[in-house]
């Protein structure tokens, strides 16, 4: 059932969506939207999805990049949530091992800190039990001496010991992309840069959406039996197109993350620790860098491009300098940063970090189904609830029946391991790259992004073997960009540098080095004229700007 997922075919896909009434049309191409498209298409529903920007453009590329097991929710008494996200995390690691990777976390215990030694020990034990953590990853407790040996950078004053447990890190935008590809191969039609402008009605019931292609200006009327609003921070804006919002509404909080070179914060492994105001933050080593996060503040400004302020940046720098010995981070050490918005459901009187991360479904009088709240880790279960509701409604109205959710049984795009262990398969793919003349580092980088789809990029490199004017590393970049255009609907240089590769966040130096080459490759492949090329260059320059801090006084609402 797999079909094209190419940026070169966007107009054709939109025309195909318009030509046939869908069973379900989803608005929003973040992890919740593409997860819903994956589940619906796998059950045999005729499924379409539109996203006004790029896939994962909002929260799903600006999260903490952790597939949390939910330790924090235990503190809030959300036992069921801990159990659910623990199971989901294990599933994601099994089905997408190239982008959901174990990251042992050290939790230092200090006199007078949030967690005492006994409370930490019991809390982590209960967490392991509820989350179904596998035996080799269960928590360990260390005394003061062992803690100092494992992580010499921790400040020693008041240190009593530490808890050692597992989280999993991910690339949120890549995970979203791989899930979109799963939906596509199951028959769903998905298009980015397609904005839902207004709803279409019949007798007061929503029956369709007028969509504008943001790249061509063309409009399309798309009809569906059921319409799902999965627009993340934008869900209320979409609901307002249908009717005035009554009852519960969204509450946005902002989370900020900083990236520094590993040499500036050379922690031996990830850590999660107290800060003076009672919150907790983490530091995580990754790809020669260390990243730091996160803040949690109410947000009421423009949601399109939440920016990091000087005050946000300094808060995290001060927290790190207070927690680690001989670490004297300065603002100038920060190479890049990002801000993401958490789309939560408003609860009166709660602080940002106390607001529940639970998801909820709202059904409007018009029939519009909205899914709101939730977490990256729980996206598959959120999708299951939405599709269960859609299937139930269609069953009542038409007498049709659909099978239950089975996305837990599908290996996620890029997650195949060829019947051998993950490590063995990864080594096999890296060696294949080395056989083409690629540096081991380049082959490993490609595998970490594309997993078992990497050989498709290698095949492209082989096509250009006789091109003597290009060295193999240049061919690899061209092949990678082509792959993202033709198989991941990358329609701009920003799509590639920010979301398909993550280079803008974790290797901004490399992002700058290749940005002009990426533009040239895309000009050639997507046939941009001079004016479009210049627009793309401006967008790229703006993207580089957004990974820098802005003074708080120049940023409204701070």
Protein backbone atom coordinates (compact mmCIF):
# COMPACT_ATOMS: atom_id res chain seq x y z
CA UNK A 1 0.00 0.00 0.00
CA UNK A 2 3.04 2.24 0.32
CA UNK A 3 2.93 5.25 -1.95
CA UNK A 4 5.07 8.23 -2.77
CA UNK A 5 6.16 10.50 0.07
CA UNK A 6 8.10 12.95 -2.05
CA UNK A 7 8.18 16.75 -1.93
CA UNK A 8 8.02 16.59 -5.73
CA UNK A 9 4.56 14.96 -5.53
CA UNK A 10 2.86 17.20 -2.95
CA UNK A 11 0.34 18.69 -5.43
CA UNK A 12 -0.57 15.24 -6.74
CA UNK A 13 -1.19 13.97 -3.21
CA UNK A 14 -3.41 16.97 -2.41
CA UNK A 15 -5.35 16.37 -5.64
CA UNK A 16 -5.80 12.71 -4.68
CA UNK A 17 -7.07 13.76 -1.25
CA UNK A 18 -9.57 16.09 -2.91
CA UNK A 19 -10.73 13.49 -5.44
CA UNK A 20 -11.98 11.02 -2.84
CA UNK A 21 -13.84 11.40 0.46
CA UNK A 22 -11.69 10.21 3.36
CA UNK A 23 -12.81 8.23 6.39
CA UNK A 24 -10.68 10.48 8.59
CA UNK A 25 -8.83 13.74 7.95
CA UNK A 26 -6.25 14.83 10.54
CA UNK A 27 -5.10 18.42 11.05
CA UNK A 28 -1.58 18.58 12.48
CA UNK A 29 1.66 16.83 11.53
CA UNK A 30 3.32 16.54 14.92
CA UNK A 31 3.81 13.22 16.72
CA UNK A 32 0.14 12.98 17.80
CA UNK A 33 -1.21 13.69 14.31
CA UNK A 34 1.12 11.33 12.44
CA UNK A 35 0.61 8.69 15.15
CA UNK A 36 -3.15 8.94 14.59
CA UNK A 37 -2.66 8.64 10.81
CA UNK A 38 -0.47 5.57 11.39
CA UNK A 39 -3.05 3.85 13.59
CA UNK A 40 -6.04 4.76 11.38
CA UNK A 41 -4.37 3.66 8.13
CA UNK A 42 -3.17 0.42 9.68
CA UNK A 43 -6.77 -0.42 10.65
CA UNK A 44 -7.92 0.14 7.07
CA UNK A 45 -9.46 3.61 7.36
CA UNK A 46 -9.02 5.89 4.35
CA UNK A 47 -6.75 8.46 6.00
CA UNK A 48 -5.40 11.91 5.10
CA UNK A 49 -3.31 14.40 7.08
CA UNK A 50 -2.44 18.05 6.48
CA UNK A 51 0.19 20.12 8.32
CA UNK A 52 0.44 23.90 7.90
CA UNK A 53 4.25 23.91 8.16
CA UNK A 54 6.69 21.02 8.10
CA UNK A 55 6.14 17.74 9.91
CA UNK A 56 7.29 18.06 13.56
CA UNK A 57 7.63 21.81 13.04
CA UNK A 58 6.12 22.72 16.43
CA UNK A 59 6.55 20.95 19.75
CA UNK A 60 7.59 17.67 18.13
CA UNK A 61 10.99 19.05 17.14
CA UNK A 62 11.48 21.23 20.23
CA UNK A 63 10.92 18.83 23.10
CA UNK A 64 13.37 17.60 25.71
CA UNK A 65 14.27 14.77 23.28
CA UNK A 66 13.70 12.16 25.98
CA UNK A 67 11.28 9.26 25.86
CA UNK A 68 10.53 9.66 29.57
CA UNK A 69 9.61 6.77 31.81
CA UNK A 70 7.65 9.23 33.94
CA UNK A 71 9.59 9.40 37.23
CA UNK A 72 8.28 12.92 37.79
CA UNK A 73 4.67 11.75 37.45
CA UNK A 74 5.20 9.34 40.35
CA UNK A 75 5.80 12.34 42.60
CA UNK A 76 2.42 13.72 41.45
CA UNK A 77 0.71 10.40 42.20
CA UNK A 78 -0.07 9.60 38.55
CA UNK A 79 0.53 5.86 38.89
CA UNK A 80 -1.43 4.84 35.79
CA UNK A 81 0.51 7.33 33.65
CA UNK A 82 3.84 5.92 34.91
CA UNK A 83 2.72 2.38 34.01
CA UNK A 84 1.56 3.42 30.55
CA UNK A 85 4.62 5.46 29.56
CA UNK A 86 6.94 2.75 30.91
CA UNK A 87 5.34 0.21 28.57
CA UNK A 88 5.33 2.63 25.66
CA UNK A 89 8.99 3.47 26.12
CA UNK A 90 9.95 -0.22 25.97
CA UNK A 91 7.88 -0.68 22.80
CA UNK A 92 9.47 2.31 21.08
CA UNK A 93 12.95 1.11 21.95
CA UNK A 94 12.15 -2.33 20.55
CA UNK A 95 10.58 -1.03 17.34
CA UNK A 96 12.85 1.97 16.64
CA UNK A 97 16.22 1.11 18.24
CA UNK A 98 18.14 3.55 15.99
CA UNK A 99 16.40 6.60 17.50
CA UNK A 100 15.22 5.49 20.96
CA UNK A 101 18.43 4.87 22.89
CA UNK A 102 19.03 3.97 26.57
CA UNK A 103 20.55 6.84 28.57
CA UNK A 104 21.51 5.93 32.18
CA UNK A 105 20.69 8.86 34.46
CA UNK A 106 22.32 9.75 37.79
CA UNK A 107 20.12 11.39 40.43
CA UNK A 108 22.35 12.95 43.15
CA UNK A 109 20.90 13.07 46.66
CA UNK A 110 21.82 16.09 48.78
CA UNK A 111 20.99 16.97 52.35
CA UNK A 112 17.83 19.10 52.25
CA UNK A 113 17.18 18.27 48.55
CA UNK A 114 13.87 17.39 46.88
CA UNK A 115 14.41 13.65 47.45
CA UNK A 116 16.08 12.11 50.52
CA UNK A 117 18.24 8.98 50.09
CA UNK A 118 15.53 6.59 51.35
CA UNK A 119 12.76 8.36 49.41
CA UNK A 120 14.91 8.21 46.26
CA UNK A 121 15.60 4.51 46.76
CA UNK A 122 11.94 3.63 47.35
CA UNK A 123 10.72 6.00 44.61
CA UNK A 124 13.05 4.54 41.98
CA UNK A 125 12.17 0.99 43.07
CA UNK A 126 8.42 1.69 42.72
CA UNK A 127 9.08 3.45 39.40
CA UNK A 128 10.96 0.40 38.03
CA UNK A 129 8.13 -1.85 39.20
CA UNK A 130 5.32 0.24 37.71
CA UNK A 131 7.13 1.06 34.47
CA UNK A 132 8.07 -2.60 33.91
CA UNK A 133 11.78 -1.76 33.62
CA UNK A 134 13.85 -4.76 32.44
CA UNK A 135 16.10 -6.37 35.02
CA UNK A 136 19.45 -5.10 33.70
CA UNK A 137 18.15 -1.50 33.73
CA UNK A 138 16.70 -1.48 37.26
CA UNK A 139 17.79 1.19 39.66
CA UNK A 140 20.95 1.07 41.71
CA UNK A 141 21.70 3.20 44.76
CA UNK A 142 25.23 4.49 45.36
CA UNK A 143 26.85 5.97 48.46
CA UNK A 144 28.67 9.30 48.52
CA UNK A 145 32.09 7.84 47.59
CA UNK A 146 30.80 5.79 44.68
CA UNK A 147 28.79 8.77 43.42
CA UNK A 148 31.91 10.97 43.43
CA UNK A 149 33.79 8.24 41.57
CA UNK A 150 31.07 7.92 38.89
CA UNK A 151 30.65 11.68 38.46
CA UNK A 152 33.58 13.72 39.83
CA UNK A 153 31.97 16.98 38.66
CA UNK A 154 29.13 16.92 41.21
CA UNK A 155 29.52 19.44 44.02
CA UNK A 156 30.40 17.49 47.19
CA UNK A 157 28.94 19.71 49.92
CA UNK A 158 25.93 17.91 51.44
CA UNK A 159 26.18 15.01 48.95
CA UNK A 160 24.74 11.82 50.50
CA UNK A 161 24.77 9.50 47.49
CA UNK A 162 22.81 8.95 44.30
CA UNK A 163 20.23 6.90 42.46
CA UNK A 164 21.10 5.43 39.06
CA UNK A 165 18.21 4.67 36.71
CA UNK A 166 17.40 4.62 33.00
CA UNK A 167 15.78 7.13 30.71
CA UNK A 168 15.81 6.92 26.90
CA UNK A 169 16.88 9.72 24.61
CA UNK A 170 15.52 10.28 21.14
CA UNK A 171 15.47 12.67 18.22
CA UNK A 172 11.85 13.81 18.43
CA UNK A 173 11.66 15.16 14.86
CA UNK A 174 13.21 12.00 13.42
CA UNK A 175 10.80 9.84 15.42
CA UNK A 176 7.89 11.90 14.07
CA UNK A 177 9.26 11.50 10.54
CA UNK A 178 9.62 7.73 10.85
CA UNK A 179 6.05 7.44 12.18
CA UNK A 180 4.81 9.58 9.24
CA UNK A 181 6.56 7.12 6.91
CA UNK A 182 4.80 4.22 8.69
CA UNK A 183 1.45 5.93 8.07
CA UNK A 184 2.41 6.50 4.43
CA UNK A 185 3.40 2.87 3.84
CA UNK A 186 0.05 1.80 5.35
CA UNK A 187 -1.78 3.89 2.75
CA UNK A 188 -2.30 7.27 4.48
CA UNK A 189 -1.87 10.44 2.41
CA UNK A 190 0.15 13.10 4.24
CA UNK A 191 1.20 16.57 3.08
CA UNK A 192 3.21 19.30 4.78
CA UNK A 193 2.84 23.06 4.14
CA UNK A 194 -0.91 22.54 3.66
CA UNK A 195 -2.89 24.87 5.94
CA UNK A 196 -6.44 24.19 7.12
CA UNK A 197 -8.09 27.58 6.46
CA UNK A 198 -11.77 26.90 7.23
CA UNK A 199 -14.21 24.11 7.93
CA UNK A 200 -16.90 23.02 5.48
CA UNK A 201 -20.32 22.14 6.91
CA UNK A 202 -23.50 20.27 6.06
CA UNK A 203 -26.47 20.89 8.38
CA UNK A 204 -24.17 22.22 11.10
CA UNK A 205 -21.87 19.19 10.98
CA UNK A 206 -18.26 19.54 9.90
CA UNK A 207 -17.73 17.51 6.71
CA UNK A 208 -14.54 18.93 5.27
CA UNK A 209 -11.70 21.42 5.35
CA UNK A 210 -10.58 24.05 2.86
CA UNK A 211 -6.81 23.71 2.66
CA UNK A 212 -4.27 26.06 1.07
CA UNK A 213 -0.95 24.77 -0.23
CA UNK A 214 1.50 27.24 1.34
CA UNK A 215 4.06 26.62 -1.41
CA UNK A 216 1.86 27.05 -4.49
CA UNK A 217 -1.11 29.08 -3.20
CA UNK A 218 -3.56 26.48 -4.58
CA UNK A 219 -6.68 25.71 -2.52
CA UNK A 220 -8.32 22.31 -2.08
CA UNK A 221 -11.62 21.25 -0.53
CA UNK A 222 -11.02 18.00 1.32
CA UNK A 223 -13.99 15.98 2.56
CA UNK A 224 -14.00 13.33 5.28
CA UNK A 225 -16.46 11.45 7.44
CA UNK A 226 -14.50 12.39 10.56
CA UNK A 227 -12.12 15.30 11.19
CA UNK A 228 -9.50 15.20 13.94
CA UNK A 229 -7.78 18.29 15.31
CA UNK A 230 -4.31 17.21 16.51
CA UNK A 231 -2.62 20.59 16.18
CA UNK A 232 -0.69 20.61 19.47
CA UNK A 233 -0.23 24.20 20.73
CA UNK A 234 -2.55 25.32 17.91
CA UNK A 235 -5.55 23.14 18.87
CA UNK A 236 -7.51 26.07 20.31
CA UNK A 237 -6.86 28.15 17.19
CA UNK A 238 -8.28 25.29 15.11
CA UNK A 239 -11.24 24.90 17.50
CA UNK A 240 -11.96 28.62 17.17
CA UNK A 241 -12.39 28.16 13.41
CA UNK A 242 -15.25 25.81 14.30
CA UNK A 243 -16.90 27.66 17.22
CA UNK A 244 -16.18 29.80 20.27
CA UNK A 245 -14.38 27.68 22.86
CA UNK A 246 -16.40 26.77 25.92
CA UNK A 247 -15.13 24.72 28.86
CA UNK A 248 -11.54 23.51 28.99
CA UNK A 249 -8.88 25.26 26.97
CA UNK A 250 -5.17 24.91 26.35
CA UNK A 251 -2.45 26.14 28.64
CA UNK A 252 1.00 26.59 27.10
CA UNK A 253 4.24 26.37 29.04
CA UNK A 254 7.69 26.99 27.59
CA UNK A 255 10.70 24.71 27.92
CA UNK A 256 14.17 25.96 26.99
CA UNK A 257 17.26 23.87 26.20
CA UNK A 258 20.93 24.84 25.72
CA UNK A 259 23.75 23.03 23.90
CA UNK A 260 27.42 23.47 24.83
CA UNK A 261 30.52 21.65 23.65
CA UNK A 262 31.24 18.54 25.72
CA UNK A 263 34.60 20.03 26.78
CA UNK A 264 32.72 22.82 28.58
CA UNK A 265 30.60 20.37 30.60
CA UNK A 266 32.40 17.00 30.44
CA UNK A 267 29.94 14.92 32.45
CA UNK A 268 30.50 11.18 32.21
CA UNK A 269 26.82 10.46 31.79
CA UNK A 270 23.40 12.07 32.05
CA UNK A 271 22.26 13.56 35.36
CA UNK A 272 19.00 14.91 36.79
CA UNK A 273 19.35 17.29 39.72
CA UNK A 274 17.78 19.93 41.97
CA UNK A 275 18.02 23.64 41.31
CA UNK A 276 17.65 26.28 44.04
CA UNK A 277 14.03 27.18 43.16
CA UNK A 278 12.84 23.60 43.80
CA UNK A 279 12.65 22.46 40.17
CA UNK A 280 14.83 19.78 38.65
CA UNK A 281 16.84 19.95 35.44
CA UNK A 282 19.04 17.54 33.52
CA UNK A 283 22.30 17.52 31.58
CA UNK A 284 22.84 14.92 28.86
CA UNK A 285 25.98 14.15 26.82
CA UNK A 286 25.19 13.63 23.12
CA UNK A 287 27.29 13.55 19.93
CA UNK A 288 30.26 15.45 21.36
CA UNK A 289 28.01 18.03 23.01
CA UNK A 290 26.20 18.35 26.34
CA UNK A 291 22.66 19.66 26.41
CA UNK A 292 20.85 21.18 29.34
CA UNK A 293 17.14 21.56 30.08
CA UNK A 294 14.59 22.56 30.87
CA UNK A 295 12.63 25.54 32.08
CA UNK A 296 8.87 25.38 32.70
CA UNK A 297 7.16 28.77 32.55
CA UNK A 298 3.69 29.89 31.49
CA UNK A 299 3.67 31.22 27.94
CA UNK A 300 1.24 33.69 26.41
CA UNK A 301 3.09 35.14 23.40
CA UNK A 302 3.14 34.27 19.68
CA UNK A 303 3.25 30.49 19.37
CA UNK A 304 4.86 30.32 15.92
CA UNK A 305 8.45 30.89 17.05
CA UNK A 306 8.92 30.76 20.84
CA UNK A 307 12.35 32.21 21.52
CA UNK A 308 14.89 31.72 24.28
CA UNK A 309 15.57 34.89 26.23
CA UNK A 310 18.78 35.92 27.98
CA UNK A 311 16.95 35.29 31.27
CA UNK A 312 15.99 31.72 30.22
CA UNK A 313 19.56 31.00 29.17
CA UNK A 314 21.09 32.48 32.33
CA UNK A 315 18.72 30.52 34.57
CA UNK A 316 20.02 27.22 33.15
CA UNK A 317 23.66 28.35 33.14
CA UNK A 318 23.41 29.41 36.80
CA UNK A 319 21.77 26.09 37.71
CA UNK A 320 24.60 24.11 36.09
CA UNK A 321 27.32 26.23 37.66
CA UNK A 322 25.71 25.74 41.08
CA UNK A 323 25.46 21.95 40.66
CA UNK A 324 28.90 21.10 39.26
CA UNK A 325 32.38 21.79 40.61
CA UNK A 326 34.87 23.71 38.50
CA UNK A 327 32.28 24.24 35.76
CA UNK A 328 32.04 27.90 34.93
CA UNK A 329 29.72 28.06 31.95
CA UNK A 330 29.31 31.47 30.32
CA UNK A 331 26.72 32.73 27.87
CA UNK A 332 29.40 32.67 25.15
CA UNK A 333 29.81 28.88 25.65
CA UNK A 334 26.27 28.22 24.42
CA UNK A 335 26.44 27.07 20.79
CA UNK A 336 22.72 26.70 20.16
CA UNK A 337 19.42 26.56 21.99
CA UNK A 338 15.78 25.85 21.36
CA UNK A 339 12.43 26.58 22.97
CA UNK A 340 9.39 24.35 22.81
CA UNK A 341 5.81 24.78 23.95
CA UNK A 342 4.00 22.13 25.98
CA UNK A 343 0.32 22.00 25.01
CA UNK A 344 -1.29 21.24 28.39
CA UNK A 345 -4.90 21.38 29.55
CA UNK A 346 -5.60 24.31 31.87
CA UNK A 347 -6.05 23.58 35.58
CA UNK A 348 -6.79 26.43 37.98
CA UNK A 349 -4.21 27.23 40.64
CA UNK A 350 -1.49 24.89 39.37
CA UNK A 351 2.15 25.90 38.80
CA UNK A 352 3.52 25.12 35.31
CA UNK A 353 5.40 22.00 36.45
CA UNK A 354 2.36 20.76 38.42
CA UNK A 355 -0.10 20.80 35.50
CA UNK A 356 -0.96 17.24 34.46
CA UNK A 357 0.54 15.89 31.25
CA UNK A 358 -2.58 13.76 30.68
CA UNK A 359 -4.32 13.88 27.33
CA UNK A 360 -8.00 14.48 26.73
CA UNK A 361 -10.42 14.23 23.81
CA UNK A 362 -13.06 16.91 23.17
CA UNK A 363 -15.93 16.36 20.73
CA UNK A 364 -17.64 19.55 19.49
CA UNK A 365 -21.33 19.84 18.57
CA UNK A 366 -20.19 20.02 14.95
CA UNK A 367 -18.53 16.62 15.31
CA UNK A 368 -14.96 17.98 15.27
CA UNK A 369 -12.75 15.67 17.38
CA UNK A 370 -9.88 17.37 19.23
CA UNK A 371 -7.03 15.54 21.00
CA UNK A 372 -5.11 17.75 23.44
CA UNK A 373 -2.42 17.45 26.10
CA UNK A 374 -0.26 14.37 26.48
CA UNK A 375 3.43 13.59 26.10
CA UNK A 376 5.78 12.43 23.35
CA UNK A 377 6.15 9.04 25.05
CA UNK A 378 2.40 8.45 25.10
CA UNK A 379 1.65 9.39 21.48
CA UNK A 380 0.75 5.86 20.37
CA UNK A 381 -1.83 5.40 23.13
CA UNK A 382 -3.28 8.85 22.42
CA UNK A 383 -3.66 7.88 18.76
CA UNK A 384 -5.29 4.60 19.77
CA UNK A 385 -7.94 6.44 21.84
CA UNK A 386 -8.72 8.81 18.97
CA UNK A 387 -8.99 6.06 16.35
CA UNK A 388 -11.08 3.91 18.72
CA UNK A 389 -13.53 6.83 18.94
CA UNK A 390 -13.54 7.39 15.17
CA UNK A 391 -14.09 3.66 14.54
CA UNK A 392 -16.89 3.55 17.14
CA UNK A 393 -18.67 6.55 15.58
CA UNK A 394 -18.34 5.13 12.06
CA UNK A 395 -19.60 1.78 13.32
CA UNK A 396 -22.69 3.41 14.84
CA UNK A 397 -23.37 5.51 11.74
CA UNK A 398 -22.55 3.04 8.96
CA UNK A 399 -22.43 -0.39 10.54
CA UNK A 400 -18.79 -0.81 9.54
CA UNK A 401 -16.30 -2.43 11.90
CA UNK A 402 -12.56 -1.95 12.15
CA UNK A 403 -9.91 -4.06 13.90
CA UNK A 404 -8.34 -2.89 17.18
CA UNK A 405 -5.05 -0.97 17.34
CA UNK A 406 -2.01 -2.98 16.23
CA UNK A 407 0.70 -0.32 15.94
CA UNK A 408 2.55 -2.04 18.79
CA UNK A 409 3.26 -4.90 16.37
CA UNK A 410 4.81 -2.87 13.55
CA UNK A 411 8.54 -2.23 13.38
CA UNK A 412 8.89 1.52 12.90
CA UNK A 413 10.46 2.79 9.66
CA UNK A 414 14.25 2.57 9.99
CA UNK A 415 14.00 0.12 12.89
CA UNK A 416 14.58 -3.17 11.04
CA UNK A 417 17.59 -5.17 12.19
CA UNK A 418 17.68 -7.94 9.57
CA UNK A 419 17.06 -10.72 12.08
CA UNK A 420 20.28 -10.04 14.04
CA UNK A 421 20.97 -7.95 17.14
CA UNK A 422 20.74 -4.17 16.85
CA UNK A 423 24.48 -3.70 17.46
CA UNK A 424 25.40 -6.33 14.86
CA UNK A 425 23.06 -4.83 12.26
CA UNK A 426 24.30 -1.30 12.94
CA UNK A 427 27.92 -2.43 12.51
CA UNK A 428 26.98 -4.16 9.24
CA UNK A 429 25.45 -0.95 7.84
CA UNK A 430 28.40 1.19 9.00
CA UNK A 431 30.85 -1.21 7.35
CA UNK A 432 28.86 -1.10 4.14
CA UNK A 433 29.30 2.69 4.20
CA UNK A 434 33.04 2.33 4.81
CA UNK A 435 33.15 -0.03 1.82
CA UNK A 436 31.87 2.87 -0.31
CA UNK A 437 34.77 5.01 0.92
CA UNK A 438 32.81 6.92 3.58
CA UNK A 439 34.49 7.86 6.84
CA UNK A 440 33.24 5.64 9.66
CA UNK A 441 31.94 8.78 11.39
CA UNK A 442 29.80 9.66 8.33
CA UNK A 443 28.36 6.14 8.04
CA UNK A 444 27.56 6.13 11.78
CA UNK A 445 25.92 9.56 11.48
CA UNK A 446 23.72 8.35 8.58
CA UNK A 447 22.69 5.23 10.49
CA UNK A 448 21.80 7.26 13.60
CA UNK A 449 19.38 9.31 11.46
CA UNK A 450 17.95 6.79 9.00
CA UNK A 451 18.55 3.37 10.55
CA UNK A 452 17.71 0.52 8.17
CA UNK A 453 16.79 3.04 5.44
CA UNK A 454 20.48 4.06 5.18
CA UNK A 455 21.20 1.61 2.28
CA UNK A 456 18.78 3.64 0.12
CA UNK A 457 21.20 6.58 0.55
CA UNK A 458 24.15 4.28 -0.20
CA UNK A 459 22.48 3.18 -3.45
CA UNK A 460 22.25 6.83 -4.50
CA UNK A 461 25.98 7.26 -3.80
CA UNK A 462 26.70 4.22 -6.01
CA UNK A 463 24.77 5.84 -8.88
CA UNK A 464 27.34 8.64 -8.92
CA UNK A 465 30.44 6.45 -8.69
CA UNK A 466 31.77 7.75 -12.01
CA UNK A 467 31.36 11.42 -11.01
CA UNK A 468 35.05 12.10 -10.47
CA UNK A 469 34.51 15.81 -9.71
CA UNK A 470 32.87 14.92 -6.39
CA UNK A 471 34.48 13.14 -3.46
CA UNK A 472 32.50 10.45 -1.66
CA UNK A 473 31.61 12.70 1.31
CA UNK A 474 30.09 15.27 -1.08
CA UNK A 475 28.17 12.48 -2.80
CA UNK A 476 26.91 11.37 0.62
CA UNK A 477 25.51 14.85 1.37
CA UNK A 478 23.81 15.05 -2.05
CA UNK A 479 22.38 11.53 -1.59
CA UNK A 480 21.13 12.38 1.92
CA UNK A 481 19.37 15.56 0.75
CA UNK A 482 17.84 13.68 -2.21
CA UNK A 483 16.62 10.96 0.16
CA UNK A 484 14.94 13.53 2.42
CA UNK A 485 13.25 15.24 -0.56
CA UNK A 486 12.06 12.02 -2.20
CA UNK A 487 11.25 9.84 0.83
CA UNK A 488 10.59 12.35 3.65
CA UNK A 489 8.94 15.29 1.84
CA UNK A 490 11.66 17.81 2.80
CA UNK A 491 10.58 20.92 0.91
CA UNK A 492 13.11 23.46 2.20
CA UNK A 493 16.71 23.71 3.36
CA UNK A 494 15.40 24.44 6.88
CA UNK A 495 13.42 21.17 6.84
CA UNK A 496 16.67 19.33 6.17
CA UNK A 497 19.03 21.17 8.52
CA UNK A 498 16.65 21.55 11.46
CA UNK A 499 14.25 18.58 11.45
CA UNK A 500 15.59 15.80 9.16
CA UNK A 501 19.11 15.93 10.62
CA UNK A 502 19.00 17.95 13.90
CA UNK A 503 22.28 19.61 12.89
CA UNK A 504 20.96 23.08 13.74
CA UNK A 505 20.75 22.04 17.40
CA UNK A 506 23.61 19.60 17.91
CA UNK A 507 26.22 20.67 15.37
CA UNK A 508 25.51 24.25 14.36
CA UNK A 509 29.07 24.58 12.98
CA UNK A 510 28.44 21.73 10.52
CA UNK A 511 24.99 23.17 9.74
CA UNK A 512 26.62 26.46 8.69
CA UNK A 513 29.32 24.67 6.66
CA UNK A 514 26.83 22.72 4.56
CA UNK A 515 23.97 25.25 4.36
CA UNK A 516 25.01 26.73 0.99
CA UNK A 517 25.61 23.24 -0.48
CA UNK A 518 22.18 22.08 0.74
CA UNK A 519 20.57 25.12 -0.89
CA UNK A 520 22.29 24.35 -4.21
CA UNK A 521 21.26 20.69 -4.11
CA UNK A 522 17.65 21.67 -3.42
CA UNK A 523 17.65 24.36 -6.13
CA UNK A 524 18.66 21.65 -8.57
CA UNK A 525 16.23 18.98 -7.34
CA UNK A 526 13.20 21.20 -6.65
CA UNK A 527 13.77 23.59 -9.59
CA UNK A 528 13.65 26.81 -7.55
CA UNK A 529 13.98 30.11 -9.39
CA UNK A 530 16.20 32.94 -8.12
CA UNK A 531 13.45 34.56 -6.05
CA UNK A 532 12.57 31.26 -4.34
CA UNK A 533 16.24 30.51 -3.70
CA UNK A 534 16.61 33.88 -2.00
CA UNK A 535 13.49 33.25 0.12
CA UNK A 536 14.94 29.91 1.17
CA UNK A 537 18.25 31.54 2.09
CA UNK A 538 16.40 34.09 4.23
CA UNK A 539 14.48 31.32 5.99
CA UNK A 540 17.75 29.54 6.68
CA UNK A 541 19.35 32.71 8.08
CA UNK A 542 16.30 33.22 10.30
CA UNK A 543 16.59 29.63 11.56
CA UNK A 544 20.21 30.26 12.54
CA UNK A 545 19.02 33.37 14.41
CA UNK A 546 16.43 31.40 16.39
CA UNK A 547 19.07 29.19 18.02
CA UNK A 548 20.54 32.29 19.68
CA UNK A 549 19.13 34.03 22.75
CA UNK A 550 17.23 37.30 22.58
CA UNK A 551 17.32 39.93 25.36
CA UNK A 552 14.27 39.58 27.61
CA UNK A 553 13.38 43.25 27.19
CA UNK A 554 13.06 42.84 23.41
CA UNK A 555 10.73 39.89 23.76
CA UNK A 556 7.15 40.73 24.71
CA UNK A 557 5.50 39.02 27.65
CA UNK A 558 8.67 38.19 29.58
